[in-house]
PDB file of N, CA and C in Angstrom:
ATOM      1  N   MET A   1      31.816  87.456  23.097  1.00  0.00           N
ATOM      2  CA  MET A   1      30.686  87.363  22.211  1.00  0.00           C
ATOM      3  C   MET A   1      29.698  86.358  22.797  1.00  0.00           C
ATOM      4  N   SER A   2      28.436  86.714  22.743  1.00  0.00           N
ATOM      5  CA  SER A   2      27.418  85.838  23.327  1.00  0.00           C
ATOM      6  C   SER A   2      27.203  84.606  22.439  1.00  0.00           C
ATOM      7  N   SER A   3      26.542  83.630  22.998  1.00  0.00           N
ATOM      8  CA  SER A   3      26.252  82.396  22.264  1.00  0.00           C
ATOM      9  C   SER A   3      25.357  82.681  21.054  1.00  0.00           C
ATOM     10  N   ASP A   4      24.385  83.579  21.237  1.00  0.00           N
ATOM     11  CA  ASP A   4      23.490  83.921  20.125  1.00  0.00           C
ATOM     12  C   ASP A   4      24.255  84.604  18.988  1.00  0.00           C
ATOM     13  N   GLU A   5      25.178  85.493  19.331  1.00  0.00           N
ATOM     14  CA  GLU A   5      25.970  86.168  18.307  1.00  0.00           C
ATOM     15  C   GLU A   5      26.852  85.177  17.557  1.00  0.00           C
ATOM     16  N   LYS A   6      27.404  84.214  18.262  1.00  0.00           N
ATOM     17  CA  LYS A   6      28.221  83.186  17.624  1.00  0.00           C
ATOM     18  C   LYS A   6      27.385  82.358  16.663  1.00  0.00           C
ATOM     19  N   ASP A   7      26.162  82.038  17.075  1.00  0.00           N
ATOM     20  CA  ASP A   7      25.274  81.258  16.208  1.00  0.00           C
ATOM     21  C   ASP A   7      24.929  82.033  14.938  1.00  0.00           C
ATOM     22  N   VAL A   8      24.664  83.319  15.085  1.00  0.00           N
ATOM     23  CA  VAL A   8      24.345  84.157  13.927  1.00  0.00           C
ATOM     24  C   VAL A   8      25.547  84.245  12.991  1.00  0.00           C
ATOM     25  N   ASN A   9      26.741  84.441  13.551  1.00  0.00           N
ATOM     26  CA  ASN A   9      27.946  84.520  12.731  1.00  0.00           C
ATOM     27  C   ASN A   9      28.196  83.215  11.989  1.00  0.00           C
ATOM     28  N   GLU A  10      27.976  82.100  12.651  1.00  0.00           N
ATOM     29  CA  GLU A  10      28.175  80.795  12.017  1.00  0.00           C
ATOM     30  C   GLU A  10      27.195  80.595  10.864  1.00  0.00           C
ATOM     31  N   ALA A  11      25.935  80.968  11.075  1.00  0.00           N
ATOM     32  CA  ALA A  11      24.926  80.836  10.018  1.00  0.00           C
ATOM     33  C   ALA A  11      25.268  81.746   8.834  1.00  0.00           C
ATOM     34  N   HIS A  12      25.700  82.950   9.136  1.00  0.00           N
ATOM     35  CA  HIS A  12      26.062  83.896   8.076  1.00  0.00           C
ATOM     36  C   HIS A  12      27.253  83.380   7.270  1.00  0.00           C
ATOM     37  N   ALA A  13      28.248  82.853   7.952  1.00  0.00           N
ATOM     38  CA  ALA A  13      29.436  82.328   7.277  1.00  0.00           C
ATOM     39  C   ALA A  13      29.092  81.131   6.391  1.00  0.00           C
ATOM     40  N   SER A  14      28.172  80.286   6.830  1.00  0.00           N
ATOM     41  CA  SER A  14      27.812  79.115   6.031  1.00  0.00           C
ATOM     42  C   SER A  14      27.069  79.513   4.761  1.00  0.00           C
ATOM     43  N   CYS A  15      26.317  80.615   4.812  1.00  0.00           N
ATOM     44  CA  CYS A  15      25.620  81.105   3.617  1.00  0.00           C
ATOM     45  C   CYS A  15      26.576  81.824   2.672  1.00  0.00           C
ATOM     46  N   ARG A  16      27.546  82.498   3.234  1.00  0.00           N
ATOM     47  CA  ARG A  16      28.472  83.307   2.460  1.00  0.00           C
ATOM     48  C   ARG A  16      29.600  82.500   1.839  1.00  0.00           C
ATOM     49  N   GLY A  17      29.960  81.405   2.452  1.00  0.00           N
ATOM     50  CA  GLY A  17      31.114  80.626   2.031  1.00  0.00           C
ATOM     51  C   GLY A  17      31.129  80.209   0.572  1.00  0.00           C
ATOM     52  N   PRO A  18      30.064  79.592   0.056  1.00  0.00           N
ATOM     53  CA  PRO A  18      30.102  79.151  -1.346  1.00  0.00           C
ATOM     54  C   PRO A  18      30.328  80.297  -2.326  1.00  0.00           C
ATOM     55  N   GLY A  19      29.700  81.419  -2.089  1.00  0.00           N
ATOM     56  CA  GLY A  19      29.887  82.570  -2.981  1.00  0.00           C
ATOM     57  C   GLY A  19      31.301  83.109  -2.919  1.00  0.00           C
ATOM     58  N   ASP A  20      31.866  83.166  -1.727  1.00  0.00           N
ATOM     59  CA  ASP A  20      33.243  83.638  -1.576  1.00  0.00           C
ATOM     60  C   ASP A  20      34.222  82.702  -2.277  1.00  0.00           C
ATOM     61  N   ARG A  21      34.002  81.399  -2.144  1.00  0.00           N
ATOM     62  CA  ARG A  21      34.882  80.439  -2.810  1.00  0.00           C
ATOM     63  C   ARG A  21      34.788  80.577  -4.328  1.00  0.00           C
ATOM     64  N   PHE A  22      33.561  80.764  -4.827  1.00  0.00           N
ATOM     65  CA  PHE A  22      33.387  80.916  -6.269  1.00  0.00           C
ATOM     66  C   PHE A  22      34.091  82.174  -6.767  1.00  0.00           C
ATOM     67  N   ASN A  23      33.935  83.280  -6.064  1.00  0.00           N
ATOM     68  CA  ASN A  23      34.570  84.521  -6.498  1.00  0.00           C
ATOM     69  C   ASN A  23      36.085  84.402  -6.511  1.00  0.00           C
ATOM     70  N   ALA A  24      36.631  83.696  -5.542  1.00  0.00           N
ATOM     71  CA  ALA A  24      38.078  83.483  -5.517  1.00  0.00           C
ATOM     72  C   ALA A  24      38.512  82.621  -6.702  1.00  0.00           C
ATOM     73  N   GLU A  25      37.734  81.606  -7.025  1.00  0.00           N
ATOM     74  CA  GLU A  25      38.074  80.738  -8.149  1.00  0.00           C
ATOM     75  C   GLU A  25      37.891  81.460  -9.482  1.00  0.00           C
ATOM     76  N   LEU A  26      36.896  82.323  -9.564  1.00  0.00           N
ATOM     77  CA  LEU A  26      36.622  83.061 -10.799  1.00  0.00           C
ATOM     78  C   LEU A  26      37.823  83.915 -11.202  1.00  0.00           C
ATOM     79  N   LYS A  27      38.540  84.436 -10.236  1.00  0.00           N
ATOM     80  CA  LYS A  27      39.705  85.269 -10.541  1.00  0.00           C
ATOM     81  C   LYS A  27      40.786  84.486 -11.263  1.00  0.00           C
ATOM     82  N   ASN A  28      40.791  83.164 -11.134  1.00  0.00           N
ATOM     83  CA  ASN A  28      41.790  82.325 -11.785  1.00  0.00           C
ATOM     84  C   ASN A  28      41.359  81.830 -13.161  1.00  0.00           C
ATOM     85  N   TRP A  29      40.138  82.120 -13.559  1.00  0.00           N
ATOM     86  CA  TRP A  29      39.650  81.678 -14.858  1.00  0.00           C
ATOM     87  C   TRP A  29      40.195  82.605 -15.941  1.00  0.00           C
ATOM     88  N   PRO A  30      40.941  82.097 -16.894  1.00  0.00           N
ATOM     89  CA  PRO A  30      41.468  82.962 -17.954  1.00  0.00           C
ATOM     90  C   PRO A  30      40.354  83.595 -18.794  1.00  0.00           C
ATOM     91  N   ALA A  31      39.285  82.881 -18.991  1.00  0.00           N
ATOM     92  CA  ALA A  31      38.203  83.395 -19.838  1.00  0.00           C
ATOM     93  C   ALA A  31      37.479  84.575 -19.201  1.00  0.00           C
ATOM     94  N   SER A  32      37.512  84.679 -17.884  1.00  0.00           N
ATOM     95  CA  SER A  32      36.762  85.746 -17.233  1.00  0.00           C
ATOM     96  C   SER A  32      37.295  87.126 -17.573  1.00  0.00           C
ATOM     97  N   SER A  33      38.563  87.236 -17.891  1.00  0.00           N
ATOM     98  CA  SER A  33      39.120  88.539 -18.256  1.00  0.00           C
ATOM     99  C   SER A  33      38.973  88.837 -19.742  1.00  0.00           C
ATOM    100  N   LYS A  34      38.497  87.854 -20.517  1.00  0.00           N
ATOM    101  CA  LYS A  34      38.395  88.027 -21.957  1.00  0.00           C
ATOM    102  C   LYS A  34      36.949  88.104 -22.445  1.00  0.00           C
ATOM    103  N   ILE A  35      36.005  88.239 -21.531  1.00  0.00           N
ATOM    104  CA  ILE A  35      34.602  88.349 -21.935  1.00  0.00           C
ATOM    105  C   ILE A  35      34.425  89.669 -22.666  1.00  0.00           C
ATOM    106  N   ARG A  36      33.947  89.601 -23.890  1.00  0.00           N
ATOM    107  CA  ARG A  36      33.820  90.800 -24.714  1.00  0.00           C
ATOM    108  C   ARG A  36      32.362  91.179 -24.964  1.00  0.00           C
ATOM    109  N   SER A  37      31.458  90.574 -24.262  1.00  0.00           N
ATOM    110  CA  SER A  37      30.050  90.930 -24.415  1.00  0.00           C
ATOM    111  C   SER A  37      29.730  92.107 -23.503  1.00  0.00           C
ATOM    112  N   SER A  38      28.481  92.477 -23.473  1.00  0.00           N
ATOM    113  CA  SER A  38      28.070  93.596 -22.627  1.00  0.00           C
ATOM    114  C   SER A  38      28.228  93.219 -21.154  1.00  0.00           C
ATOM    115  N   PRO A  39      28.399  94.204 -20.286  1.00  0.00           N
ATOM    116  CA  PRO A  39      28.525  93.909 -18.854  1.00  0.00           C
ATOM    117  C   PRO A  39      27.317  93.154 -18.299  1.00  0.00           C
ATOM    118  N   ASN A  40      26.127  93.466 -18.793  1.00  0.00           N
ATOM    119  CA  ASN A  40      24.933  92.766 -18.318  1.00  0.00           C
ATOM    120  C   ASN A  40      24.988  91.291 -18.695  1.00  0.00           C
ATOM    121  N   ARG A  41      25.414  91.007 -19.908  1.00  0.00           N
ATOM    122  CA  ARG A  41      25.505  89.612 -20.359  1.00  0.00           C
ATOM    123  C   ARG A  41      26.593  88.876 -19.577  1.00  0.00           C
ATOM    124  N   ALA A  42      27.708  89.543 -19.333  1.00  0.00           N
ATOM    125  CA  ALA A  42      28.781  88.933 -18.553  1.00  0.00           C
ATOM    126  C   ALA A  42      28.294  88.614 -17.150  1.00  0.00           C
ATOM    127  N   ALA A  43      27.523  89.498 -16.551  1.00  0.00           N
ATOM    128  CA  ALA A  43      26.986  89.263 -15.206  1.00  0.00           C
ATOM    129  C   ALA A  43      26.062  88.045 -15.198  1.00  0.00           C
ATOM    130  N   GLU A  44      25.259  87.898 -16.257  1.00  0.00           N
ATOM    131  CA  GLU A  44      24.371  86.736 -16.350  1.00  0.00           C
ATOM    132  C   GLU A  44      25.180  85.444 -16.448  1.00  0.00           C
ATOM    133  N   LEU A  45      26.240  85.470 -17.252  1.00  0.00           N
ATOM    134  CA  LEU A  45      27.081  84.278 -17.404  1.00  0.00           C
ATOM    135  C   LEU A  45      27.760  83.907 -16.092  1.00  0.00           C
ATOM    136  N   VAL A  46      28.268  84.888 -15.386  1.00  0.00           N
ATOM    137  CA  VAL A  46      28.942  84.633 -14.110  1.00  0.00           C
ATOM    138  C   VAL A  46      27.942  84.107 -13.090  1.00  0.00           C
ATOM    139  N   ALA A  47      26.753  84.697 -13.042  1.00  0.00           N
ATOM    140  CA  ALA A  47      25.732  84.235 -12.101  1.00  0.00           C
ATOM    141  C   ALA A  47      25.326  82.796 -12.388  1.00  0.00           C
ATOM    142  N   THR A  48      25.211  82.458 -13.669  1.00  0.00           N
ATOM    143  CA  THR A  48      24.866  81.088 -14.056  1.00  0.00           C
ATOM    144  C   THR A  48      25.975  80.114 -13.640  1.00  0.00           C
ATOM    145  N   ALA A  49      27.211  80.488 -13.912  1.00  0.00           N
ATOM    146  CA  ALA A  49      28.334  79.630 -13.516  1.00  0.00           C
ATOM    147  C   ALA A  49      28.394  79.455 -12.013  1.00  0.00           C
ATOM    148  N   GLN A  50      28.125  80.525 -11.284  1.00  0.00           N
ATOM    149  CA  GLN A  50      28.135  80.440  -9.815  1.00  0.00           C
ATOM    150  C   GLN A  50      27.047  79.504  -9.323  1.00  0.00           C
ATOM    151  N   THR A  51      25.870  79.606  -9.879  1.00  0.00           N
ATOM    152  CA  THR A  51      24.764  78.736  -9.485  1.00  0.00           C
ATOM    153  C   THR A  51      25.106  77.271  -9.739  1.00  0.00           C
ATOM    154  N   LEU A  52      25.659  76.993 -10.899  1.00  0.00           N
ATOM    155  CA  LEU A  52      26.028  75.614 -11.225  1.00  0.00           C
ATOM    156  C   LEU A  52      27.125  75.078 -10.315  1.00  0.00           C
ATOM    157  N   MET A  53      28.100  75.915 -10.024  1.00  0.00           N
ATOM    158  CA  MET A  53      29.198  75.468  -9.162  1.00  0.00           C
ATOM    159  C   MET A  53      28.704  75.188  -7.743  1.00  0.00           C
ATOM    160  N   ILE A  54      27.862  76.062  -7.226  1.00  0.00           N
ATOM    161  CA  ILE A  54      27.347  75.867  -5.861  1.00  0.00           C
ATOM    162  C   ILE A  54      26.443  74.637  -5.803  1.00  0.00           C
ATOM    163  N   ALA A  55      25.664  74.414  -6.863  1.00  0.00           N
ATOM    164  CA  ALA A  55      24.768  73.255  -6.887  1.00  0.00           C
ATOM    165  C   ALA A  55      25.544  71.941  -6.928  1.00  0.00           C
ATOM    166  N   ASN A  56      26.757  71.975  -7.485  1.00  0.00           N
ATOM    167  CA  ASN A  56      27.557  70.759  -7.589  1.00  0.00           C
ATOM    168  C   ASN A  56      28.440  70.499  -6.394  1.00  0.00           C
ATOM    169  N   THR A  57      28.400  71.354  -5.381  1.00  0.00           N
ATOM    170  CA  THR A  57      29.234  71.134  -4.196  1.00  0.00           C
ATOM    171  C   THR A  57      28.419  70.557  -3.076  1.00  0.00           C
TER     172      THR A  57
END
């Protein structure tokens, strides 16, 4: 792999990492499986939680 490709992969991984970590942690949240609102509302709640978690890291 060329040096440029390695640099691109590293940049991509650094952008992707926080979201991947959040999604892995979300699977362990008991409340995430008990959301009884509409799917759109649940998506908004998850997106908000993800934003807050990433901002605090």
